[in-house]
C-alpha atoms as a PDB file:
ATOM      1  CA  MET A   1      23.615  30.896 -73.714  1.00  0.00           C
ATOM      2  CA  ALA A   2      26.577  28.794 -74.708  1.00  0.00           C
ATOM      3  CA  GLU A   3      29.106  26.821 -72.750  1.00  0.00           C
ATOM      4  CA  ARG A   4      32.294  28.789 -72.327  1.00  0.00           C
ATOM      5  CA  GLY A   5      35.141  27.306 -74.347  1.00  0.00           C
ATOM      6  CA  THR A   6      33.107  24.877 -76.449  1.00  0.00           C
ATOM      7  CA  GLY A   7      30.348  27.208 -77.637  1.00  0.00           C
ATOM      8  CA  ARG A   8      27.795  24.415 -77.087  1.00  0.00           C
ATOM      9  CA  TYR A   9      24.277  25.827 -76.718  1.00  0.00           C
ATOM     10  CA  VAL A  10      22.993  25.188 -73.188  1.00  0.00           C
ATOM     11  CA  GLY A  11      19.745  27.167 -73.027  1.00  0.00           C
ATOM     12  CA  SER A  12      18.189  30.565 -72.632  1.00  0.00           C
ATOM     13  CA  ALA A  13      17.670  32.876 -69.673  1.00  0.00           C
ATOM     14  CA  PHE A  14      15.202  35.548 -68.664  1.00  0.00           C
ATOM     15  CA  ILE A  15      16.656  39.066 -68.596  1.00  0.00           C
ATOM     16  CA  THR A  16      16.321  40.352 -65.019  1.00  0.00           C
ATOM     17  CA  LEU A  17      18.505  43.430 -65.210  1.00  0.00           C
ATOM     18  CA  ASN A  18      17.792  46.998 -64.195  1.00  0.00           C
ATOM     19  CA  ARG A  19      16.982  49.503 -66.935  1.00  0.00           C
ATOM     20  CA  GLU A  20      20.541  50.815 -67.331  1.00  0.00           C
ATOM     21  CA  MET A  21      22.006  47.335 -67.716  1.00  0.00           C
ATOM     22  CA  ARG A  22      19.215  46.213 -70.102  1.00  0.00           C
ATOM     23  CA  GLU A  23      19.992  49.209 -72.311  1.00  0.00           C
ATOM     24  CA  ARG A  24      23.728  48.354 -72.247  1.00  0.00           C
ATOM     25  CA  LEU A  25      22.935  44.766 -73.177  1.00  0.00           C
ATOM     26  CA  TRP A  26      20.569  45.809 -75.976  1.00  0.00           C
ATOM     27  CA  GLN A  27      23.224  48.156 -77.379  1.00  0.00           C
ATOM     28  CA  ARG A  28      25.747  45.269 -77.365  1.00  0.00           C
ATOM     29  CA  VAL A  29      23.219  42.992 -79.115  1.00  0.00           C
ATOM     30  CA  GLN A  30      22.661  45.575 -81.849  1.00  0.00           C
ATOM     31  CA  GLU A  31      26.406  46.221 -82.306  1.00  0.00           C
ATOM     32  CA  ALA A  32      27.480  42.580 -82.532  1.00  0.00           C
ATOM     33  CA  PRO A  33      24.751  40.425 -84.077  1.00  0.00           C
ATOM     34  CA  GLY A  34      25.713  36.799 -84.485  1.00  0.00           C
ATOM     35  CA  SER A  35      24.453  33.723 -86.233  1.00  0.00           C
ATOM     36  CA  PRO A  36      22.690  30.829 -84.499  1.00  0.00           C
ATOM     37  CA  PRO A  37      24.590  27.714 -83.463  1.00  0.00           C
ATOM     38  CA  LYS A  38      24.517  24.850 -85.964  1.00  0.00           C
ATOM     39  CA  GLY A  39      21.133  23.192 -86.124  1.00  0.00           C
ATOM     40  CA  MET A  40      19.432  25.826 -83.943  1.00  0.00           C
ATOM     41  CA  LYS A  41      16.128  27.093 -85.320  1.00  0.00           C
ATOM     42  CA  ARG A  42      14.583  29.786 -83.154  1.00  0.00           C
ATOM     43  CA  PRO A  43      13.336  32.525 -85.489  1.00  0.00           C
ATOM     44  CA  ALA A  44      12.416  35.052 -82.776  1.00  0.00           C
ATOM     45  CA  THR A  45      15.835  34.856 -81.092  1.00  0.00           C
ATOM     46  CA  GLN A  46      18.492  37.529 -81.503  1.00  0.00           C
ATOM     47  CA  TRP A  47      21.911  35.920 -81.413  1.00  0.00           C
ATOM     48  CA  VAL A  48      25.031  37.760 -80.268  1.00  0.00           C
ATOM     49  CA  LYS A  49      28.609  37.062 -81.275  1.00  0.00           C
ATOM     50  CA  PRO A  50      30.687  35.411 -78.537  1.00  0.00           C
ATOM     51  CA  GLY A  51      32.351  37.824 -76.146  1.00  0.00           C
ATOM     52  CA  LEU A  52      29.833  38.370 -73.357  1.00  0.00           C
ATOM     53  CA  ILE A  53      30.090  36.533 -70.068  1.00  0.00           C
ATOM     54  CA  GLY A  54      26.891  36.388 -68.057  1.00  0.00           C
ATOM     55  CA  ARG A  55      26.219  35.652 -64.415  1.00  0.00           C
ATOM     56  CA  VAL A  56      23.174  33.393 -64.476  1.00  0.00           C
ATOM     57  CA  LYS A  57      21.043  32.168 -61.591  1.00  0.00           C
ATOM     58  CA  HIS A  58      19.299  28.798 -62.079  1.00  0.00           C
ATOM     59  CA  LEU A  59      17.911  25.814 -60.190  1.00  0.00           C
ATOM     60  CA  ARG A  60      20.484  23.781 -58.286  1.00  0.00           C
ATOM     61  CA  GLY A  61      21.208  20.192 -59.129  1.00  0.00           C
ATOM     62  CA  GLU A  62      20.239  20.460 -62.793  1.00  0.00           C
ATOM     63  CA  GLU A  63      22.595  19.575 -65.613  1.00  0.00           C
ATOM     64  CA  ASP A  64      21.080  22.230 -67.878  1.00  0.00           C
ATOM     65  CA  PRO A  65      20.211  25.722 -66.592  1.00  0.00           C
ATOM     66  CA  ARG A  66      16.461  25.406 -65.846  1.00  0.00           C
ATOM     67  CA  HIS A  67      14.519  28.564 -64.956  1.00  0.00           C
ATOM     68  CA  ALA A  68      17.646  30.608 -65.627  1.00  0.00           C
ATOM     69  CA  SER A  69      17.791  34.376 -65.245  1.00  0.00           C
ATOM     70  CA  LEU A  70      20.580  36.689 -66.340  1.00  0.00           C
ATOM     71  CA  GLN A  71      21.765  38.641 -63.295  1.00  0.00           C
ATOM     72  CA  ASP A  72      24.753  40.518 -64.742  1.00  0.00           C
ATOM     73  CA  PHE A  73      27.087  40.476 -67.736  1.00  0.00           C
ATOM     74  CA  ARG A  74      30.498  41.733 -68.808  1.00  0.00           C
ATOM     75  CA  GLU A  75      32.697  41.758 -71.879  1.00  0.00           C
ATOM     76  CA  GLU A  76      35.134  38.863 -72.165  1.00  0.00           C
ATOM     77  CA  GLU A  77      38.710  39.969 -71.508  1.00  0.00           C
END
């Protein structure tokens, strides 16, 4: 996940979507592969070009999204 506007990497999230939404997300990932942010080395990660906005649930009071889970997503307008 990246910060909206700056593109700064802020962390990852578990995918907690129903089957239909997971399939939609996977299709989007395959259609728009991206490159990792500068300095990011995570070989098993599949990066996606900017354009998705996710609704993420995480622990309150944390600067970075700890124990984050993706609840929903949409295309950026």
